[in-house]
Amino acid sequence: VLLIGEPGIGKKTMIHYLAKIIRQDKAEEILNDKRVLIFDLGGAIAYFVNEGFDVENEIRKIFNEAAYAGNVILALENIGNYIFERSDNFHFSVSKVLVEFLGIPTFQIIATSNVPDYHQLVERSEEMVKFFDVIETREPDENETIDILYQFFRSIERKRAVLAYEGYKAIIGASGKYNWNSVLPERAIDLAEE
């Protein structure tokens, strides 16, 4: 699966929610016994480069282990950062290794991307895109954002009420007045935390 959307829209939250409902046995039967693991691809690549390992071979080993396990769903955030070649010496593209594994049924991933990187991926690597089910995320409306804020602060508010319904609405309205580059729900959550 490839989740597409702007930063702050909740792609990582969706991955965490999927992992949570799998752990609670509330997911579809096909997801029973699956484990969602967030794989810090950038950190792994940096480690392998710094330690002098063959990066391609080490990434291949990790992907092979996930595919062999059969119950692992790897979550790869901001996949566009690791697909396209760049001019700096420390960048490694996983596209070659990824294409080797995408056709294997037991190799399961959830990748995230922003919209520009997705368009670039479609233009440059159709062979990779054909393996993904693409889910485009959108910015929630005010009512959806109120629900998100309520869920976000729910654990805090078990001890004492912090915000009333009108308070959530005011936060969402105020977050839109500022010239923030982030989208809902992130900008509302940031303002509420402040």
N, C-alpha and C. Protein backbone atom coordinates (compact mmCIF):
# COMPACT_ATOMS: atom_id res chain seq x y z
N VAL A 1 0.86 -1.17 0.00
CA VAL A 1 0.00 0.00 0.00
C VAL A 1 0.90 1.23 0.00
N LEU A 2 0.50 2.24 -0.75
CA LEU A 2 1.21 3.51 -0.77
C LEU A 2 0.25 4.59 -0.31
N LEU A 3 0.51 5.17 0.87
CA LEU A 3 -0.30 6.27 1.40
C LEU A 3 0.29 7.58 0.93
N ILE A 4 -0.54 8.38 0.26
CA ILE A 4 -0.08 9.65 -0.30
C ILE A 4 -0.80 10.79 0.40
N GLY A 5 -0.05 11.81 0.79
CA GLY A 5 -0.64 12.99 1.39
C GLY A 5 0.42 13.93 1.90
N GLU A 6 -0.01 15.12 2.22
CA GLU A 6 0.91 16.14 2.72
C GLU A 6 1.38 15.79 4.13
N PRO A 7 2.57 16.28 4.52
CA PRO A 7 3.04 16.07 5.88
C PRO A 7 2.05 16.64 6.89
N GLY A 8 1.77 15.89 7.95
CA GLY A 8 0.86 16.34 9.00
C GLY A 8 -0.57 15.90 8.80
N ILE A 9 -0.84 15.17 7.74
CA ILE A 9 -2.21 14.78 7.42
C ILE A 9 -2.64 13.52 8.20
N GLY A 10 -1.66 12.75 8.70
CA GLY A 10 -1.99 11.59 9.52
C GLY A 10 -1.63 10.24 8.93
N LYS A 11 -0.68 10.20 8.00
CA LYS A 11 -0.30 8.93 7.39
C LYS A 11 0.32 7.99 8.43
N LYS A 12 1.21 8.52 9.24
CA LYS A 12 1.86 7.70 10.27
C LYS A 12 0.84 7.25 11.31
N THR A 13 -0.11 8.11 11.62
CA THR A 13 -1.16 7.76 12.58
C THR A 13 -1.99 6.60 12.04
N MET A 14 -2.25 6.60 10.74
CA MET A 14 -3.00 5.48 10.14
C MET A 14 -2.24 4.17 10.29
N ILE A 15 -0.93 4.22 10.11
CA ILE A 15 -0.12 3.01 10.25
C ILE A 15 -0.17 2.52 11.70
N HIS A 16 -0.04 3.44 12.65
CA HIS A 16 -0.12 3.05 14.06
C HIS A 16 -1.49 2.49 14.41
N TYR A 17 -2.53 3.09 13.85
CA TYR A 17 -3.89 2.60 14.11
C TYR A 17 -4.07 1.19 13.55
N LEU A 18 -3.56 0.93 12.35
CA LEU A 18 -3.64 -0.42 11.78
C LEU A 18 -2.94 -1.41 12.70
N ALA A 19 -1.74 -1.06 13.16
CA ALA A 19 -1.01 -1.95 14.07
C ALA A 19 -1.80 -2.20 15.35
N LYS A 20 -2.46 -1.17 15.85
CA LYS A 20 -3.24 -1.29 17.08
C LYS A 20 -4.42 -2.24 16.89
N ILE A 21 -5.17 -2.09 15.80
CA ILE A 21 -6.34 -2.96 15.64
C ILE A 21 -5.92 -4.40 15.33
N ILE A 22 -4.74 -4.58 14.72
CA ILE A 22 -4.22 -5.94 14.52
C ILE A 22 -3.89 -6.56 15.88
N ARG A 23 -3.21 -5.80 16.76
CA ARG A 23 -2.86 -6.31 18.09
C ARG A 23 -4.10 -6.65 18.91
N GLN A 24 -5.16 -5.88 18.72
CA GLN A 24 -6.40 -6.09 19.47
C GLN A 24 -7.33 -7.11 18.81
N ASP A 25 -6.86 -7.75 17.75
CA ASP A 25 -7.66 -8.73 17.00
C ASP A 25 -8.97 -8.15 16.49
N LYS A 26 -8.95 -6.90 16.09
CA LYS A 26 -10.14 -6.25 15.54
C LYS A 26 -10.03 -6.04 14.04
N ALA A 27 -8.94 -6.49 13.43
CA ALA A 27 -8.74 -6.29 11.99
C ALA A 27 -9.37 -7.44 11.21
N GLU A 28 -9.43 -7.27 9.91
CA GLU A 28 -9.93 -8.33 9.04
C GLU A 28 -9.11 -9.60 9.26
N GLU A 29 -9.73 -10.73 9.00
CA GLU A 29 -9.08 -12.02 9.23
C GLU A 29 -7.76 -12.17 8.48
N ILE A 30 -7.68 -11.59 7.29
CA ILE A 30 -6.46 -11.69 6.49
C ILE A 30 -5.26 -11.05 7.20
N LEU A 31 -5.52 -10.14 8.14
CA LEU A 31 -4.44 -9.47 8.87
C LEU A 31 -4.11 -10.14 10.21
N ASN A 32 -4.82 -11.21 10.55
CA ASN A 32 -4.52 -11.92 11.79
C ASN A 32 -3.06 -12.35 11.81
N ASP A 33 -2.44 -12.22 12.94
CA ASP A 33 -1.05 -12.63 13.17
C ASP A 33 -0.02 -11.81 12.39
N LYS A 34 -0.42 -10.69 11.80
CA LYS A 34 0.54 -9.82 11.13
C LYS A 34 1.18 -8.90 12.16
N ARG A 35 2.39 -8.46 11.86
CA ARG A 35 3.10 -7.50 12.71
C ARG A 35 3.52 -6.32 11.84
N VAL A 36 3.15 -5.14 12.25
CA VAL A 36 3.54 -3.93 11.52
C VAL A 36 4.80 -3.39 12.18
N LEU A 37 5.86 -3.29 11.38
CA LEU A 37 7.14 -2.80 11.89
C LEU A 37 7.56 -1.57 11.10
N ILE A 38 7.76 -0.47 11.80
CA ILE A 38 8.25 0.74 11.13
C ILE A 38 9.76 0.57 10.96
N PHE A 39 10.18 0.59 9.70
CA PHE A 39 11.59 0.41 9.36
C PHE A 39 12.19 1.76 9.02
N ASP A 40 13.12 2.22 9.84
CA ASP A 40 13.80 3.49 9.62
C ASP A 40 14.85 3.28 8.54
N LEU A 41 14.40 3.41 7.31
CA LEU A 41 15.25 3.15 6.16
C LEU A 41 16.43 4.13 6.11
N GLY A 42 16.18 5.40 6.39
CA GLY A 42 17.25 6.39 6.38
C GLY A 42 18.31 6.09 7.43
N GLY A 43 17.87 5.73 8.63
CA GLY A 43 18.80 5.38 9.70
C GLY A 43 19.62 4.14 9.36
N ALA A 44 18.96 3.14 8.76
CA ALA A 44 19.66 1.92 8.38
C ALA A 44 20.71 2.20 7.31
N ILE A 45 20.33 2.99 6.30
CA ILE A 45 21.28 3.32 5.23
C ILE A 45 22.47 4.09 5.80
N ALA A 46 22.21 5.06 6.66
CA ALA A 46 23.30 5.84 7.27
C ALA A 46 24.23 4.94 8.07
N TYR A 47 23.65 4.02 8.84
CA TYR A 47 24.47 3.09 9.64
C TYR A 47 25.35 2.23 8.74
N PHE A 48 24.74 1.65 7.69
CA PHE A 48 25.51 0.77 6.80
C PHE A 48 26.63 1.53 6.09
N VAL A 49 26.37 2.76 5.67
CA VAL A 49 27.39 3.57 5.01
C VAL A 49 28.51 3.89 6.00
N ASN A 50 28.15 4.33 7.22
CA ASN A 50 29.16 4.69 8.22
C ASN A 50 30.01 3.51 8.65
N GLU A 51 29.43 2.33 8.68
CA GLU A 51 30.16 1.14 9.12
C GLU A 51 30.89 0.44 7.97
N GLY A 52 30.72 0.94 6.76
CA GLY A 52 31.43 0.38 5.61
C GLY A 52 30.80 -0.88 5.03
N PHE A 53 29.54 -1.14 5.33
CA PHE A 53 28.85 -2.30 4.78
C PHE A 53 28.41 -2.04 3.35
N ASP A 54 28.15 -3.10 2.62
CA ASP A 54 27.54 -3.00 1.30
C ASP A 54 26.05 -2.73 1.52
N VAL A 55 25.63 -1.48 1.30
CA VAL A 55 24.28 -1.04 1.64
C VAL A 55 23.23 -1.88 0.91
N GLU A 56 23.41 -2.07 -0.37
CA GLU A 56 22.43 -2.82 -1.16
C GLU A 56 22.25 -4.23 -0.60
N ASN A 57 23.34 -4.89 -0.28
CA ASN A 57 23.27 -6.25 0.24
C ASN A 57 22.59 -6.29 1.61
N GLU A 58 22.89 -5.32 2.46
CA GLU A 58 22.30 -5.30 3.80
C GLU A 58 20.79 -5.03 3.74
N ILE A 59 20.38 -4.11 2.88
CA ILE A 59 18.94 -3.84 2.72
C ILE A 59 18.26 -5.08 2.16
N ARG A 60 18.91 -5.74 1.22
CA ARG A 60 18.37 -6.98 0.64
C ARG A 60 18.17 -8.03 1.74
N LYS A 61 19.11 -8.15 2.67
CA LYS A 61 18.99 -9.11 3.77
C LYS A 61 17.76 -8.80 4.63
N ILE A 62 17.57 -7.52 4.94
CA ILE A 62 16.43 -7.13 5.78
C ILE A 62 15.12 -7.41 5.06
N PHE A 63 15.03 -7.03 3.80
CA PHE A 63 13.81 -7.29 3.02
C PHE A 63 13.56 -8.79 2.91
N ASN A 64 14.63 -9.56 2.71
CA ASN A 64 14.50 -11.02 2.60
C ASN A 64 13.97 -11.61 3.90
N GLU A 65 14.48 -11.12 5.03
CA GLU A 65 14.01 -11.62 6.32
C GLU A 65 12.54 -11.30 6.54
N ALA A 66 12.11 -10.10 6.15
CA ALA A 66 10.70 -9.72 6.29
C ALA A 66 9.83 -10.59 5.39
N ALA A 67 10.27 -10.85 4.16
CA ALA A 67 9.51 -11.69 3.24
C ALA A 67 9.45 -13.13 3.74
N TYR A 68 10.57 -13.62 4.25
CA TYR A 68 10.64 -15.00 4.75
C TYR A 68 9.73 -15.19 5.96
N ALA A 69 9.64 -14.18 6.83
CA ALA A 69 8.79 -14.28 8.01
C ALA A 69 7.33 -14.47 7.61
N GLY A 70 6.91 -13.79 6.55
CA GLY A 70 5.56 -13.97 6.04
C GLY A 70 4.49 -13.20 6.77
N ASN A 71 4.74 -12.82 8.01
CA ASN A 71 3.72 -12.10 8.78
C ASN A 71 4.12 -10.65 9.09
N VAL A 72 5.19 -10.17 8.47
CA VAL A 72 5.69 -8.84 8.74
C VAL A 72 5.20 -7.88 7.65
N ILE A 73 4.67 -6.74 8.10
CA ILE A 73 4.34 -5.65 7.20
C ILE A 73 5.31 -4.53 7.54
N LEU A 74 6.22 -4.23 6.61
CA LEU A 74 7.18 -3.16 6.84
C LEU A 74 6.55 -1.82 6.50
N ALA A 75 6.70 -0.86 7.37
CA ALA A 75 6.24 0.50 7.12
C ALA A 75 7.46 1.35 6.77
N LEU A 76 7.45 1.90 5.57
CA LEU A 76 8.56 2.71 5.07
C LEU A 76 8.06 4.13 4.86
N GLU A 77 8.49 5.04 5.72
CA GLU A 77 8.02 6.42 5.63
C GLU A 77 8.83 7.20 4.61
N ASN A 78 8.14 8.12 3.92
CA ASN A 78 8.76 9.01 2.94
C ASN A 78 9.61 8.25 1.93
N ILE A 79 9.00 7.28 1.30
CA ILE A 79 9.72 6.38 0.39
C ILE A 79 10.42 7.13 -0.74
N GLY A 80 9.86 8.27 -1.15
CA GLY A 80 10.48 9.05 -2.22
C GLY A 80 11.89 9.49 -1.90
N ASN A 81 12.20 9.65 -0.61
CA ASN A 81 13.56 10.06 -0.21
C ASN A 81 14.59 8.99 -0.52
N TYR A 82 14.16 7.74 -0.70
CA TYR A 82 15.09 6.63 -0.85
C TYR A 82 14.99 5.93 -2.20
N ILE A 83 14.17 6.47 -3.09
CA ILE A 83 13.98 5.84 -4.39
C ILE A 83 14.81 6.53 -5.47
N PHE A 84 14.88 7.84 -5.43
CA PHE A 84 15.48 8.59 -6.52
C PHE A 84 16.96 8.86 -6.25
N GLU A 85 17.75 8.73 -7.28
CA GLU A 85 19.18 9.01 -7.19
C GLU A 85 19.39 10.51 -6.98
N ARG A 86 20.34 10.84 -6.13
CA ARG A 86 20.73 12.23 -5.93
C ARG A 86 22.23 12.34 -6.17
N SER A 87 22.70 13.56 -6.22
CA SER A 87 24.11 13.77 -6.56
C SER A 87 25.06 13.57 -5.38
N ASP A 88 24.56 13.65 -4.13
CA ASP A 88 25.50 13.52 -3.00
C ASP A 88 25.99 12.08 -2.86
N ASN A 89 27.15 11.93 -2.29
CA ASN A 89 27.80 10.62 -2.20
C ASN A 89 27.16 9.69 -1.18
N PHE A 90 26.41 10.23 -0.25
CA PHE A 90 25.88 9.41 0.82
C PHE A 90 24.46 8.93 0.58
N HIS A 91 23.93 9.21 -0.61
CA HIS A 91 22.57 8.79 -0.90
C HIS A 91 22.58 7.43 -1.58
N PHE A 92 21.67 6.59 -1.16
CA PHE A 92 21.53 5.26 -1.74
C PHE A 92 20.08 5.08 -2.16
N SER A 93 19.86 4.62 -3.37
CA SER A 93 18.52 4.38 -3.86
C SER A 93 18.16 2.91 -3.64
N VAL A 94 17.01 2.67 -3.01
CA VAL A 94 16.57 1.29 -2.75
C VAL A 94 15.69 0.76 -3.88
N SER A 95 15.51 1.53 -4.93
CA SER A 95 14.56 1.13 -5.97
C SER A 95 14.89 -0.23 -6.58
N LYS A 96 16.14 -0.49 -6.86
CA LYS A 96 16.54 -1.77 -7.46
C LYS A 96 16.19 -2.94 -6.53
N VAL A 97 16.53 -2.80 -5.26
CA VAL A 97 16.26 -3.86 -4.30
C VAL A 97 14.75 -4.00 -4.07
N LEU A 98 14.07 -2.88 -3.99
CA LEU A 98 12.63 -2.88 -3.75
C LEU A 98 11.88 -3.59 -4.87
N VAL A 99 12.26 -3.32 -6.11
CA VAL A 99 11.60 -3.96 -7.26
C VAL A 99 11.80 -5.48 -7.22
N GLU A 100 12.96 -5.94 -6.73
CA GLU A 100 13.20 -7.38 -6.61
C GLU A 100 12.19 -8.05 -5.69
N PHE A 101 11.77 -7.33 -4.65
CA PHE A 101 10.93 -7.94 -3.62
C PHE A 101 9.43 -7.67 -3.77
N LEU A 102 9.06 -6.62 -4.48
CA LEU A 102 7.64 -6.25 -4.55
C LEU A 102 6.76 -7.33 -5.17
N GLY A 103 7.30 -8.15 -6.03
CA GLY A 103 6.52 -9.23 -6.64
C GLY A 103 6.35 -10.45 -5.76
N ILE A 104 7.05 -10.50 -4.64
CA ILE A 104 6.95 -11.65 -3.73
C ILE A 104 5.73 -11.46 -2.83
N PRO A 105 4.79 -12.40 -2.85
CA PRO A 105 3.54 -12.22 -2.09
C PRO A 105 3.73 -12.03 -0.58
N THR A 106 4.78 -12.61 -0.01
CA THR A 106 4.98 -12.49 1.43
C THR A 106 5.74 -11.22 1.82
N PHE A 107 6.18 -10.45 0.83
CA PHE A 107 6.83 -9.17 1.11
C PHE A 107 5.75 -8.11 1.10
N GLN A 108 5.39 -7.63 2.30
CA GLN A 108 4.29 -6.71 2.45
C GLN A 108 4.79 -5.40 3.04
N ILE A 109 4.45 -4.29 2.37
CA ILE A 109 4.89 -3.00 2.88
C ILE A 109 3.75 -1.98 2.81
N ILE A 110 3.86 -1.02 3.71
CA ILE A 110 3.06 0.19 3.65
C ILE A 110 4.07 1.31 3.53
N ALA A 111 4.02 2.02 2.42
CA ALA A 111 4.95 3.13 2.21
C ALA A 111 4.15 4.43 2.25
N THR A 112 4.82 5.50 2.66
CA THR A 112 4.17 6.82 2.63
C THR A 112 4.95 7.72 1.70
N SER A 113 4.24 8.68 1.14
CA SER A 113 4.86 9.62 0.21
C SER A 113 4.06 10.90 0.18
N ASN A 114 4.74 11.99 -0.16
CA ASN A 114 4.00 13.22 -0.42
C ASN A 114 3.59 13.22 -1.89
N VAL A 115 2.74 14.14 -2.27
CA VAL A 115 2.19 14.16 -3.63
C VAL A 115 3.26 14.37 -4.70
N PRO A 116 4.18 15.36 -4.55
CA PRO A 116 5.20 15.54 -5.60
C PRO A 116 6.08 14.30 -5.81
N ASP A 117 6.49 13.64 -4.71
CA ASP A 117 7.31 12.43 -4.85
C ASP A 117 6.53 11.32 -5.52
N TYR A 118 5.23 11.22 -5.25
CA TYR A 118 4.41 10.20 -5.90
C TYR A 118 4.35 10.44 -7.41
N HIS A 119 4.14 11.68 -7.81
CA HIS A 119 4.10 11.99 -9.25
C HIS A 119 5.43 11.67 -9.91
N GLN A 120 6.51 11.96 -9.21
CA GLN A 120 7.84 11.65 -9.73
C GLN A 120 8.02 10.13 -9.83
N LEU A 121 7.51 9.40 -8.87
CA LEU A 121 7.58 7.94 -8.88
C LEU A 121 6.82 7.37 -10.07
N VAL A 122 5.64 7.90 -10.34
CA VAL A 122 4.84 7.44 -11.48
C VAL A 122 5.58 7.70 -12.78
N GLU A 123 6.20 8.88 -12.90
CA GLU A 123 6.91 9.24 -14.12
C GLU A 123 8.16 8.40 -14.33
N ARG A 124 8.87 8.09 -13.26
CA ARG A 124 10.18 7.44 -13.39
C ARG A 124 10.16 5.93 -13.23
N SER A 125 9.19 5.39 -12.51
CA SER A 125 9.26 3.97 -12.19
C SER A 125 7.88 3.31 -12.19
N GLU A 126 7.32 3.18 -13.38
CA GLU A 126 6.01 2.52 -13.49
C GLU A 126 6.08 1.08 -13.02
N GLU A 127 7.24 0.42 -13.21
CA GLU A 127 7.37 -0.97 -12.79
C GLU A 127 7.19 -1.13 -11.28
N MET A 128 7.54 -0.10 -10.53
CA MET A 128 7.38 -0.16 -9.08
C MET A 128 5.94 0.19 -8.68
N VAL A 129 5.38 1.19 -9.30
CA VAL A 129 4.05 1.68 -8.93
C VAL A 129 2.98 0.62 -9.15
N LYS A 130 3.15 -0.24 -10.14
CA LYS A 130 2.13 -1.24 -10.45
C LYS A 130 1.90 -2.23 -9.31
N PHE A 131 2.85 -2.34 -8.40
CA PHE A 131 2.70 -3.26 -7.28
C PHE A 131 1.92 -2.67 -6.11
N PHE A 132 1.70 -1.36 -6.13
CA PHE A 132 1.08 -0.69 -4.99
C PHE A 132 -0.40 -0.42 -5.21
N ASP A 133 -1.17 -0.57 -4.13
CA ASP A 133 -2.51 0.01 -4.07
C ASP A 133 -2.31 1.39 -3.47
N VAL A 134 -2.75 2.41 -4.18
CA VAL A 134 -2.51 3.79 -3.77
C VAL A 134 -3.73 4.31 -3.02
N ILE A 135 -3.48 4.87 -1.84
CA ILE A 135 -4.53 5.49 -1.04
C ILE A 135 -4.14 6.95 -0.83
N GLU A 136 -4.95 7.83 -1.37
CA GLU A 136 -4.67 9.26 -1.22
C GLU A 136 -5.41 9.77 0.01
N THR A 137 -4.67 10.36 0.92
CA THR A 137 -5.27 10.92 2.12
C THR A 137 -5.58 12.38 1.88
N ARG A 138 -6.61 12.86 2.52
CA ARG A 138 -7.01 14.25 2.34
C ARG A 138 -7.08 14.92 3.71
N GLU A 139 -7.08 16.22 3.67
CA GLU A 139 -7.19 17.00 4.90
C GLU A 139 -8.60 16.82 5.46
N PRO A 140 -8.73 16.52 6.76
CA PRO A 140 -10.06 16.34 7.34
C PRO A 140 -10.82 17.66 7.43
N ASP A 141 -12.15 17.57 7.41
CA ASP A 141 -12.95 18.78 7.61
C ASP A 141 -13.02 19.09 9.11
N GLU A 142 -13.77 20.14 9.47
CA GLU A 142 -13.81 20.59 10.86
C GLU A 142 -14.36 19.52 11.79
N ASN A 143 -15.45 18.86 11.42
CA ASN A 143 -16.04 17.84 12.29
C ASN A 143 -15.11 16.65 12.47
N GLU A 144 -14.45 16.24 11.39
CA GLU A 144 -13.49 15.13 11.50
C GLU A 144 -12.31 15.54 12.38
N THR A 145 -11.87 16.78 12.27
CA THR A 145 -10.75 17.25 13.07
C THR A 145 -11.13 17.31 14.55
N ILE A 146 -12.38 17.68 14.85
CA ILE A 146 -12.84 17.67 16.25
C ILE A 146 -12.75 16.26 16.81
N ASP A 147 -13.18 15.27 16.02
CA ASP A 147 -13.08 13.86 16.46
C ASP A 147 -11.63 13.46 16.68
N ILE A 148 -10.74 13.90 15.78
CA ILE A 148 -9.33 13.57 15.90
C ILE A 148 -8.73 14.20 17.16
N LEU A 149 -9.05 15.48 17.40
CA LEU A 149 -8.56 16.14 18.61
C LEU A 149 -9.07 15.45 19.87
N TYR A 150 -10.36 15.09 19.84
CA TYR A 150 -10.94 14.40 21.00
C TYR A 150 -10.19 13.09 21.27
N GLN A 151 -9.94 12.30 20.22
CA GLN A 151 -9.21 11.04 20.38
C GLN A 151 -7.77 11.28 20.84
N PHE A 152 -7.16 12.34 20.31
CA PHE A 152 -5.78 12.64 20.65
C PHE A 152 -5.63 12.99 22.14
N PHE A 153 -6.58 13.78 22.67
CA PHE A 153 -6.49 14.22 24.06
C PHE A 153 -7.28 13.33 25.02
N ARG A 154 -7.84 12.26 24.52
CA ARG A 154 -8.69 11.39 25.34
C ARG A 154 -7.98 10.84 26.57
N SER A 155 -6.75 10.37 26.39
CA SER A 155 -6.04 9.79 27.53
C SER A 155 -5.73 10.84 28.59
N ILE A 156 -5.45 12.08 28.18
CA ILE A 156 -5.18 13.16 29.13
C ILE A 156 -6.47 13.52 29.87
N GLU A 157 -7.57 13.54 29.12
CA GLU A 157 -8.84 13.99 29.70
C GLU A 157 -9.53 12.93 30.55
N ARG A 158 -8.98 11.76 30.67
CA ARG A 158 -9.54 10.76 31.58
C ARG A 158 -9.40 11.22 33.02
N LYS A 159 -8.31 11.94 33.28
CA LYS A 159 -8.05 12.42 34.64
C LYS A 159 -8.85 13.68 34.94
N ARG A 160 -8.91 14.59 33.95
CA ARG A 160 -9.68 15.82 34.13
C ARG A 160 -9.99 16.40 32.75
N ALA A 161 -11.08 17.08 32.66
CA ALA A 161 -11.47 17.71 31.39
C ALA A 161 -10.52 18.86 31.10
N VAL A 162 -10.04 18.92 29.88
CA VAL A 162 -9.14 19.98 29.47
C VAL A 162 -9.85 20.94 28.52
N LEU A 163 -10.52 20.38 27.53
CA LEU A 163 -11.18 21.20 26.52
C LEU A 163 -12.63 20.78 26.33
N ALA A 164 -13.48 21.76 26.19
CA ALA A 164 -14.88 21.47 25.85
C ALA A 164 -15.01 21.42 24.33
N TYR A 165 -16.15 20.98 23.85
CA TYR A 165 -16.42 20.90 22.42
C TYR A 165 -16.19 22.26 21.75
N GLU A 166 -16.68 23.32 22.37
CA GLU A 166 -16.49 24.67 21.81
C GLU A 166 -15.01 25.05 21.79
N GLY A 167 -14.25 24.54 22.73
CA GLY A 167 -12.81 24.79 22.76
C GLY A 167 -12.11 24.16 21.56
N TYR A 168 -12.52 22.92 21.23
CA TYR A 168 -11.97 22.26 20.05
C TYR A 168 -12.28 23.08 18.79
N LYS A 169 -13.52 23.55 18.69
CA LYS A 169 -13.92 24.34 17.52
C LYS A 169 -13.10 25.63 17.43
N ALA A 170 -12.88 26.26 18.57
CA ALA A 170 -12.10 27.51 18.60
C ALA A 170 -10.65 27.25 18.18
N ILE A 171 -10.09 26.16 18.62
CA ILE A 171 -8.71 25.82 18.25
C ILE A 171 -8.60 25.60 16.75
N ILE A 172 -9.55 24.88 16.18
CA ILE A 172 -9.52 24.62 14.74
C ILE A 172 -9.65 25.93 13.97
N GLY A 173 -10.57 26.79 14.40
CA GLY A 173 -10.74 28.09 13.75
C GLY A 173 -9.50 28.95 13.85
N ALA A 174 -8.90 28.99 15.04
CA ALA A 174 -7.71 29.81 15.25
C ALA A 174 -6.52 29.25 14.47
N SER A 175 -6.43 27.94 14.35
CA SER A 175 -5.30 27.35 13.62
C SER A 175 -5.34 27.72 12.15
N GLY A 176 -6.54 27.95 11.61
CA GLY A 176 -6.67 28.35 10.22
C GLY A 176 -6.33 29.81 9.97
N LYS A 177 -6.38 30.63 11.02
CA LYS A 177 -6.10 32.06 10.86
C LYS A 177 -4.61 32.35 10.75
N TYR A 178 -3.81 31.48 11.34
CA TYR A 178 -2.36 31.68 11.27
C TYR A 178 -1.86 31.23 9.91
N ASN A 179 -0.77 31.80 9.48
CA ASN A 179 -0.19 31.41 8.20
C ASN A 179 0.74 30.23 8.42
N TRP A 180 0.17 29.09 8.74
CA TRP A 180 0.95 27.90 9.02
C TRP A 180 1.07 27.09 7.73
N ASN A 181 2.18 26.45 7.56
CA ASN A 181 2.39 25.63 6.37
C ASN A 181 1.83 24.22 6.55
N SER A 182 1.44 23.87 7.75
CA SER A 182 0.94 22.52 7.98
C SER A 182 -0.56 22.44 7.73
N VAL A 183 -1.05 21.23 7.62
CA VAL A 183 -2.45 20.98 7.32
C VAL A 183 -3.15 20.46 8.58
N LEU A 184 -4.48 20.39 8.50
CA LEU A 184 -5.23 19.74 9.56
C LEU A 184 -5.00 18.25 9.45
N PRO A 185 -4.91 17.52 10.50
CA PRO A 185 -5.13 17.90 11.88
C PRO A 185 -3.88 18.39 12.61
N GLU A 186 -2.70 18.32 11.95
CA GLU A 186 -1.46 18.65 12.65
C GLU A 186 -1.47 20.06 13.22
N ARG A 187 -1.89 21.05 12.44
CA ARG A 187 -1.83 22.43 12.95
C ARG A 187 -2.76 22.63 14.12
N ALA A 188 -3.91 21.96 14.15
CA ALA A 188 -4.83 22.06 15.28
C ALA A 188 -4.27 21.36 16.51
N ILE A 189 -3.64 20.21 16.31
CA ILE A 189 -3.03 19.49 17.43
C ILE A 189 -1.89 20.32 18.03
N ASP A 190 -1.05 20.89 17.16
CA ASP A 190 0.05 21.72 17.65
C ASP A 190 -0.46 22.90 18.46
N LEU A 191 -1.52 23.57 17.98
CA LEU A 191 -2.07 24.72 18.68
C LEU A 191 -2.70 24.28 20.01
N ALA A 192 -3.40 23.16 20.00
CA ALA A 192 -4.03 22.66 21.23
C ALA A 192 -2.97 22.31 22.26
N GLU A 193 -1.86 21.74 21.82
CA GLU A 193 -0.78 21.40 22.77
C GLU A 193 -0.17 22.65 23.35
N GLU A 194 -0.07 23.71 22.55
CA GLU A 194 0.46 24.97 23.05
C GLU A 194 -0.48 25.52 24.11
